[in-house]
């Protein structure tokens, strides 16, 4: 998992669930990073859900 705070939060979240840790310098850094990613993702999740619902309604 590469760390870049400029990447979209959706990508961050996906990497947490599906990525594989090859190397970690510090367990504390990893835990802080995962917490940061989850907070950022949860801040925008309701917007993504609404967008998805609206898109699905237009398709149906």
N, C-alpha and C. Protein backbone atom coordinates (compact mmCIF):
# COMPACT_ATOMS: atom_id res chain seq x y z
N UNK A 1 0.85 -1.16 0.00
CA UNK A 1 0.00 0.00 0.00
C UNK A 1 0.90 1.23 0.00
N UNK A 2 0.68 2.10 -0.93
CA UNK A 2 1.43 3.34 -0.98
C UNK A 2 0.64 4.42 -0.28
N UNK A 3 1.35 5.31 0.39
CA UNK A 3 0.69 6.37 1.10
C UNK A 3 0.79 7.66 0.31
N UNK A 4 -0.32 8.23 -0.03
CA UNK A 4 -0.35 9.54 -0.67
C UNK A 4 -1.63 10.22 -0.21
N UNK A 5 -1.48 11.33 0.46
CA UNK A 5 -2.65 12.03 0.98
C UNK A 5 -3.36 12.83 -0.10
N UNK A 6 -2.88 12.76 -1.34
CA UNK A 6 -3.51 13.47 -2.44
C UNK A 6 -4.49 12.58 -3.21
N UNK A 7 -4.50 11.30 -2.96
CA UNK A 7 -5.39 10.38 -3.66
C UNK A 7 -6.81 10.51 -3.12
N UNK A 8 -7.79 10.16 -3.95
CA UNK A 8 -9.19 10.21 -3.47
C UNK A 8 -9.42 9.25 -2.29
N UNK A 9 -10.29 9.66 -1.40
CA UNK A 9 -10.55 8.87 -0.19
C UNK A 9 -11.22 7.53 -0.49
N UNK A 10 -11.91 7.45 -1.60
CA UNK A 10 -12.51 6.17 -1.99
C UNK A 10 -11.42 5.15 -2.28
N UNK A 11 -10.38 5.61 -2.95
CA UNK A 11 -9.25 4.73 -3.25
C UNK A 11 -8.55 4.32 -1.96
N UNK A 12 -8.37 5.26 -1.05
CA UNK A 12 -7.77 4.93 0.24
C UNK A 12 -8.55 3.81 0.93
N UNK A 13 -9.86 3.99 1.01
CA UNK A 13 -10.70 3.03 1.70
C UNK A 13 -10.63 1.66 1.03
N UNK A 14 -10.64 1.65 -0.27
CA UNK A 14 -10.55 0.39 -1.01
C UNK A 14 -9.23 -0.31 -0.72
N UNK A 15 -8.16 0.46 -0.63
CA UNK A 15 -6.86 -0.14 -0.35
C UNK A 15 -6.82 -0.75 1.06
N UNK A 16 -7.52 -0.15 1.99
CA UNK A 16 -7.54 -0.72 3.34
C UNK A 16 -8.21 -2.09 3.35
N UNK A 17 -9.29 -2.22 2.60
CA UNK A 17 -10.03 -3.48 2.60
C UNK A 17 -9.41 -4.55 1.71
N UNK A 18 -8.90 -4.14 0.55
CA UNK A 18 -8.44 -5.12 -0.43
C UNK A 18 -6.93 -5.15 -0.62
N UNK A 19 -6.23 -4.18 -0.07
CA UNK A 19 -4.77 -4.11 -0.22
C UNK A 19 -4.07 -5.09 0.69
N UNK A 20 -2.81 -5.28 0.40
CA UNK A 20 -2.00 -6.21 1.19
C UNK A 20 -0.79 -5.46 1.73
N UNK A 21 -0.53 -5.60 3.00
CA UNK A 21 0.61 -4.92 3.61
C UNK A 21 1.87 -5.72 3.30
N UNK A 22 2.83 -5.04 2.69
CA UNK A 22 4.11 -5.67 2.37
C UNK A 22 5.15 -5.29 3.42
N UNK A 23 5.09 -4.05 3.86
CA UNK A 23 6.05 -3.54 4.83
C UNK A 23 5.39 -2.45 5.64
N UNK A 24 5.64 -2.43 6.93
CA UNK A 24 5.18 -1.33 7.76
C UNK A 24 6.28 -0.98 8.75
N UNK A 25 6.63 0.29 8.77
CA UNK A 25 7.71 0.75 9.64
C UNK A 25 7.25 0.83 11.09
N UNK A 26 5.95 1.10 11.25
CA UNK A 26 5.44 1.30 12.60
C UNK A 26 3.97 0.90 12.65
N UNK A 27 3.62 0.10 13.62
CA UNK A 27 2.22 -0.28 13.80
C UNK A 27 1.38 0.94 14.18
N UNK A 28 1.96 1.85 14.94
CA UNK A 28 1.24 3.07 15.33
C UNK A 28 0.94 3.94 14.11
N UNK A 29 1.90 4.09 13.21
CA UNK A 29 1.68 4.88 12.00
C UNK A 29 0.58 4.26 11.17
N UNK A 30 0.60 2.96 11.03
CA UNK A 30 -0.43 2.28 10.24
C UNK A 30 -1.81 2.48 10.86
N UNK A 31 -1.92 2.34 12.16
CA UNK A 31 -3.20 2.52 12.84
C UNK A 31 -3.70 3.96 12.68
N UNK A 32 -2.81 4.93 12.81
CA UNK A 32 -3.20 6.33 12.64
C UNK A 32 -3.65 6.60 11.21
N UNK A 33 -2.94 6.03 10.26
CA UNK A 33 -3.28 6.20 8.85
C UNK A 33 -4.65 5.59 8.55
N UNK A 34 -4.90 4.39 9.04
CA UNK A 34 -6.20 3.75 8.80
C UNK A 34 -7.33 4.54 9.43
N UNK A 35 -7.10 5.09 10.60
CA UNK A 35 -8.11 5.92 11.25
C UNK A 35 -8.38 7.18 10.43
N UNK A 36 -7.33 7.80 9.94
CA UNK A 36 -7.46 9.00 9.10
C UNK A 36 -8.29 8.69 7.86
N UNK A 37 -7.98 7.59 7.20
CA UNK A 37 -8.68 7.22 5.98
C UNK A 37 -10.16 6.95 6.25
N UNK A 38 -10.46 6.22 7.29
CA UNK A 38 -11.85 5.92 7.61
C UNK A 38 -12.64 7.18 7.94
N UNK A 39 -12.04 8.10 8.67
CA UNK A 39 -12.73 9.35 9.00
C UNK A 39 -13.04 10.15 7.74
N UNK A 40 -12.07 10.26 6.85
CA UNK A 40 -12.27 11.01 5.60
C UNK A 40 -13.32 10.34 4.73
N UNK A 41 -13.28 9.03 4.64
CA UNK A 41 -14.23 8.30 3.82
C UNK A 41 -15.65 8.44 4.37
N UNK A 42 -15.80 8.31 5.67
CA UNK A 42 -17.12 8.41 6.28
C UNK A 42 -17.70 9.82 6.15
N UNK A 43 -16.82 10.82 6.04
CA UNK A 43 -17.29 12.19 5.84
C UNK A 43 -17.98 12.38 4.49
N UNK A 44 -17.61 11.61 3.49
CA UNK A 44 -18.21 11.77 2.16
C UNK A 44 -19.11 10.62 1.76
N UNK A 45 -19.19 9.57 2.57
CA UNK A 45 -19.96 8.38 2.20
C UNK A 45 -21.44 8.70 1.95
N UNK A 46 -22.05 9.55 2.74
CA UNK A 46 -23.47 9.87 2.54
C UNK A 46 -23.70 10.55 1.20
N UNK A 47 -22.74 11.34 0.75
CA UNK A 47 -22.86 11.99 -0.56
C UNK A 47 -22.76 10.95 -1.67
N UNK A 48 -21.83 10.03 -1.54
CA UNK A 48 -21.68 8.96 -2.53
C UNK A 48 -22.93 8.08 -2.59
N UNK A 49 -23.49 7.78 -1.44
CA UNK A 49 -24.71 6.97 -1.40
C UNK A 49 -25.87 7.67 -2.11
N UNK A 50 -26.03 8.96 -1.86
CA UNK A 50 -27.09 9.71 -2.53
C UNK A 50 -26.90 9.75 -4.04
N UNK A 51 -25.67 9.96 -4.45
CA UNK A 51 -25.36 9.99 -5.87
C UNK A 51 -25.69 8.65 -6.52
N UNK A 52 -25.32 7.58 -5.85
CA UNK A 52 -25.59 6.24 -6.39
C UNK A 52 -27.10 5.99 -6.47
N UNK A 53 -27.84 6.38 -5.46
CA UNK A 53 -29.29 6.21 -5.47
C UNK A 53 -29.93 6.99 -6.63
N UNK A 54 -29.50 8.22 -6.82
CA UNK A 54 -30.04 9.04 -7.90
C UNK A 54 -29.71 8.44 -9.26
N UNK A 55 -28.52 7.93 -9.39
CA UNK A 55 -28.12 7.31 -10.66
C UNK A 55 -28.94 6.06 -10.94
N UNK A 56 -29.16 5.23 -9.92
CA UNK A 56 -29.94 4.02 -10.11
C UNK A 56 -31.39 4.34 -10.44
N UNK A 57 -31.94 5.39 -9.83
CA UNK A 57 -33.32 5.80 -10.14
C UNK A 57 -33.46 6.22 -11.60
N UNK A 58 -32.47 6.89 -12.12
CA UNK A 58 -32.53 7.33 -13.52
C UNK A 58 -32.41 6.15 -14.46
N UNK A 59 -31.68 5.12 -14.07
CA UNK A 59 -31.52 3.94 -14.91
C UNK A 59 -32.82 3.14 -14.97
N UNK A 60 -33.49 3.04 -13.85
CA UNK A 60 -34.72 2.25 -13.78
C UNK A 60 -35.80 2.97 -14.46
